Structures are given as structure tokens and as C-alpha cells.
Amino acid sequence: MISAGGQDIHYTNQLSDITYSHLGLPVALVVSRNNQNLSLSVTPRATWPDNQGPMGIEMRPDIVTNYSWPQAVVRAGQEMVYQFQVLFELPAKILSRQVPLSNRAADWRGRAQ
């Protein structure tokens, strides 16, 4: 995944945010296939079957990019800003049910044992 809705994608939750903000609306995607960029348009479903998401795809955190040192320093700064933004937005996502609190509480209990 290169970009969605005109925004570069580095993490699966960035794609998730764009997807949920475009339910029922087309969103432009750029993906890499066989070292070629492919432009697509998808419309995330407003309702979907259990165990599937709005786009019917599995999102895994295996996005890897090699950077030069100067690029890595810039990306590290971007990452810090992004992590603070995600932390700041978490309560709103819990309240809007984008992050189900019941599932997260079960995960935390399981880790504590």
C-alpha cells in the first residue's frame, strides 16, 4: 500500500482511518504490485459481514521501507508526531466504536495472566 485518499500510508491504522472516513464513498488507492504502482478506486462498505472489514481485506503491519540516514531522521520525527496524534485520538475512536473497548479489555486481561 503506497497511499489512500492522497495520503501516504506507513501503518495499517492510517489505512483504517481513511477507510472508516470513506464508508460508502469511493477512495483512491495506490498499491505496489510487481514493483509497479497501480491506481485503484474502492468504495468501503457501510455494513459488512462478521470477521470482515469495510474493504474485505486483511490489514497486516508488514509495510517496510528502507530509508537513507537523512530520510530516516525525517521519518523518525514524523513517526513521533504520528504516535502522539494516535494517542490523542484514541478516546474518540473508542467512543465511536472504531476501537471496540470490550475486545481491548479482554486482550489486556489475557496479557496480565
C-alpha atoms as a PDB file:
ATOM      1  CA  MET A   1       0.000   0.000   0.000  1.00  0.00           C
ATOM      2  CA  ILE A   2       1.520   3.295  -1.099  1.00  0.00           C
ATOM      3  CA  SER A   3      -1.283   5.796  -0.476  1.00  0.00           C
ATOM      4  CA  ALA A   4      -5.002   6.097   0.207  1.00  0.00           C
ATOM      5  CA  GLY A   5      -7.120   9.165  -0.346  1.00  0.00           C
ATOM      6  CA  GLY A   6      -3.998  11.047  -1.423  1.00  0.00           C
ATOM      7  CA  GLN A   7      -2.172  10.372   1.883  1.00  0.00           C
ATOM      8  CA  ASP A   8       0.967   8.250   2.185  1.00  0.00           C
ATOM      9  CA  ILE A   9       0.366   5.049   4.154  1.00  0.00           C
ATOM     10  CA  HIS A  10       3.024   3.812   6.582  1.00  0.00           C
ATOM     11  CA  TYR A  11       0.817   1.937   9.087  1.00  0.00           C
ATOM     12  CA  THR A  12      -2.331  -0.148   8.879  1.00  0.00           C
ATOM     13  CA  ASN A  13      -4.215   2.174  11.230  1.00  0.00           C
ATOM     14  CA  GLN A  14      -3.667   5.048   8.775  1.00  0.00           C
ATOM     15  CA  LEU A  15      -5.448   2.983   6.113  1.00  0.00           C
ATOM     16  CA  SER A  16      -8.130   2.073   8.648  1.00  0.00           C
ATOM     17  CA  ASP A  17      -8.740   5.753   9.498  1.00  0.00           C
ATOM     18  CA  ILE A  18      -9.117   6.668   5.818  1.00  0.00           C
ATOM     19  CA  THR A  19     -11.347   3.650   5.197  1.00  0.00           C
ATOM     20  CA  TYR A  20     -13.717   4.488   8.076  1.00  0.00           C
ATOM     21  CA  SER A  21     -13.916   8.120   6.987  1.00  0.00           C
ATOM     22  CA  HIS A  22     -14.993   6.995   3.489  1.00  0.00           C
ATOM     23  CA  LEU A  23     -17.669   4.383   4.285  1.00  0.00           C
ATOM     24  CA  GLY A  24     -19.945   4.220   1.239  1.00  0.00           C
ATOM     25  CA  LEU A  25     -17.717   6.696  -0.628  1.00  0.00           C
ATOM     26  CA  PRO A  26     -15.023   5.981  -3.225  1.00  0.00           C
ATOM     27  CA  VAL A  27     -11.414   6.316  -2.092  1.00  0.00           C
ATOM     28  CA  ALA A  28      -8.360   6.363  -4.370  1.00  0.00           C
ATOM     29  CA  LEU A  29      -5.662   3.798  -3.557  1.00  0.00           C
ATOM     30  CA  VAL A  30      -2.157   3.386  -4.926  1.00  0.00           C
ATOM     31  CA  VAL A  31      -0.688  -0.074  -4.382  1.00  0.00           C
ATOM     32  CA  SER A  32       2.602  -1.655  -5.408  1.00  0.00           C
ATOM     33  CA  ARG A  33       2.309  -4.879  -7.430  1.00  0.00           C
ATOM     34  CA  ASN A  34       5.367  -6.480  -9.037  1.00  0.00           C
ATOM     35  CA  ASN A  35       7.364  -3.265  -8.485  1.00  0.00           C
ATOM     36  CA  GLN A  36       4.760  -1.220 -10.374  1.00  0.00           C
ATOM     37  CA  ASN A  37       2.389   1.331  -8.865  1.00  0.00           C
ATOM     38  CA  LEU A  38      -1.254   0.580  -9.593  1.00  0.00           C
ATOM     39  CA  SER A  39      -4.010   3.165  -9.060  1.00  0.00           C
ATOM     40  CA  LEU A  40      -7.367   1.809  -7.874  1.00  0.00           C
ATOM     41  CA  SER A  41     -10.639   3.185  -6.629  1.00  0.00           C
ATOM     42  CA  VAL A  42     -12.570   1.267  -3.958  1.00  0.00           C
ATOM     43  CA  THR A  43     -15.732   2.024  -2.048  1.00  0.00           C
ATOM     44  CA  PRO A  44     -15.587   0.742   1.545  1.00  0.00           C
ATOM     45  CA  ARG A  45     -18.833  -0.941   2.576  1.00  0.00           C
ATOM     46  CA  ALA A  46     -21.020   0.871   5.107  1.00  0.00           C
ATOM     47  CA  THR A  47     -22.050  -2.534   6.527  1.00  0.00           C
ATOM     48  CA  TRP A  48     -20.071  -5.748   6.267  1.00  0.00           C
ATOM     49  CA  PRO A  49     -20.181  -9.407   7.349  1.00  0.00           C
ATOM     50  CA  ASP A  50     -18.666 -10.566  10.639  1.00  0.00           C
ATOM     51  CA  ASN A  51     -14.911 -11.168  10.532  1.00  0.00           C
ATOM     52  CA  GLN A  52     -14.517  -8.841   7.551  1.00  0.00           C
ATOM     53  CA  GLY A  53     -13.897  -5.141   7.309  1.00  0.00           C
ATOM     54  CA  PRO A  54     -15.309  -2.395   5.107  1.00  0.00           C
ATOM     55  CA  MET A  55     -12.953  -3.324   2.237  1.00  0.00           C
ATOM     56  CA  GLY A  56     -12.997  -7.085   2.818  1.00  0.00           C
ATOM     57  CA  ILE A  57      -9.209  -7.250   3.137  1.00  0.00           C
ATOM     58  CA  GLU A  58      -6.826  -8.268   5.877  1.00  0.00           C
ATOM     59  CA  MET A  59      -4.563  -5.458   7.041  1.00  0.00           C
ATOM     60  CA  ARG A  60      -1.203  -6.594   8.417  1.00  0.00           C
ATOM     61  CA  PRO A  61       1.640  -4.440   9.738  1.00  0.00           C
ATOM     62  CA  ASP A  62       4.233  -5.657   7.230  1.00  0.00           C
ATOM     63  CA  ILE A  63       4.853  -2.362   5.468  1.00  0.00           C
ATOM     64  CA  VAL A  64       8.643  -1.967   5.267  1.00  0.00           C
ATOM     65  CA  THR A  65      10.616   0.785   3.551  1.00  0.00           C
ATOM     66  CA  ASN A  66      14.386   1.281   3.524  1.00  0.00           C
ATOM     67  CA  TYR A  67      15.463   4.885   4.123  1.00  0.00           C
ATOM     68  CA  SER A  68      18.786   6.729   3.852  1.00  0.00           C
ATOM     69  CA  TRP A  69      20.021   8.273   7.129  1.00  0.00           C
ATOM     70  CA  PRO A  70      18.626  11.759   6.363  1.00  0.00           C
ATOM     71  CA  GLN A  71      15.295  10.242   5.307  1.00  0.00           C
ATOM     72  CA  ALA A  72      15.275   8.075   8.447  1.00  0.00           C
ATOM     73  CA  VAL A  73      15.709  11.138  10.674  1.00  0.00           C
ATOM     74  CA  VAL A  74      12.778  12.869   8.964  1.00  0.00           C
ATOM     75  CA  ARG A  75      10.628   9.707   9.205  1.00  0.00           C
ATOM     76  CA  ALA A  76      11.505   9.359  12.905  1.00  0.00           C
ATOM     77  CA  GLY A  77      10.212  12.888  13.518  1.00  0.00           C
ATOM     78  CA  GLN A  78       7.064  12.152  11.520  1.00  0.00           C
ATOM     79  CA  GLU A  79       6.590   8.940  13.493  1.00  0.00           C
ATOM     80  CA  MET A  80       6.820  10.739  16.828  1.00  0.00           C
ATOM     81  CA  VAL A  81       4.190  13.267  15.732  1.00  0.00           C
ATOM     82  CA  TYR A  82       2.002  10.455  14.420  1.00  0.00           C
ATOM     83  CA  GLN A  83       2.221   8.440  17.665  1.00  0.00           C
ATOM     84  CA  PHE A  84       1.151  11.471  19.722  1.00  0.00           C
ATOM     85  CA  GLN A  85      -1.739  12.063  17.308  1.00  0.00           C
ATOM     86  CA  VAL A  86      -2.917   8.432  17.625  1.00  0.00           C
ATOM     87  CA  LEU A  87      -2.729   8.623  21.414  1.00  0.00           C
ATOM     88  CA  PHE A  88      -4.693  11.885  21.400  1.00  0.00           C
ATOM     89  CA  GLU A  89      -7.404  10.444  19.094  1.00  0.00           C
ATOM     90  CA  LEU A  90      -7.839   7.138  20.966  1.00  0.00           C
ATOM     91  CA  PRO A  91     -10.675   8.221  23.297  1.00  0.00           C
ATOM     92  CA  ALA A  92     -12.765   9.467  20.351  1.00  0.00           C
ATOM     93  CA  LYS A  93     -12.186   6.208  18.461  1.00  0.00           C
ATOM     94  CA  ILE A  94     -13.300   4.194  21.480  1.00  0.00           C
ATOM     95  CA  LEU A  95     -16.442   6.311  21.811  1.00  0.00           C
ATOM     96  CA  SER A  96     -17.229   5.978  18.060  1.00  0.00           C
ATOM     97  CA  ARG A  97     -16.627   2.191  18.297  1.00  0.00           C
ATOM     98  CA  GLN A  98     -13.792   2.200  15.767  1.00  0.00           C
ATOM     99  CA  VAL A  99     -11.791   0.567  18.581  1.00  0.00           C
ATOM    100  CA  PRO A 100     -14.072  -1.818  20.496  1.00  0.00           C
ATOM    101  CA  LEU A 101     -13.306  -1.379  24.182  1.00  0.00           C
ATOM    102  CA  SER A 102     -14.630  -4.837  25.111  1.00  0.00           C
ATOM    103  CA  ASN A 103     -12.078  -6.568  22.851  1.00  0.00           C
ATOM    104  CA  ARG A 104      -9.213  -4.464  24.141  1.00  0.00           C
ATOM    105  CA  ALA A 105     -10.100  -5.121  27.786  1.00  0.00           C
ATOM    106  CA  ALA A 106     -10.073  -8.885  27.112  1.00  0.00           C
ATOM    107  CA  ASP A 107      -6.655  -8.550  25.436  1.00  0.00           C
ATOM    108  CA  TRP A 108      -5.271  -6.690  28.441  1.00  0.00           C
ATOM    109  CA  ARG A 109      -6.643  -9.224  30.931  1.00  0.00           C
ATOM    110  CA  GLY A 110      -5.122 -12.080  28.923  1.00  0.00           C
ATOM    111  CA  ARG A 111      -1.698 -10.441  28.921  1.00  0.00           C
ATOM    112  CA  ALA A 112      -1.750  -9.816  32.661  1.00  0.00           C
ATOM    113  CA  GLN A 113      -2.174 -13.534  33.441  1.00  0.00           C
END
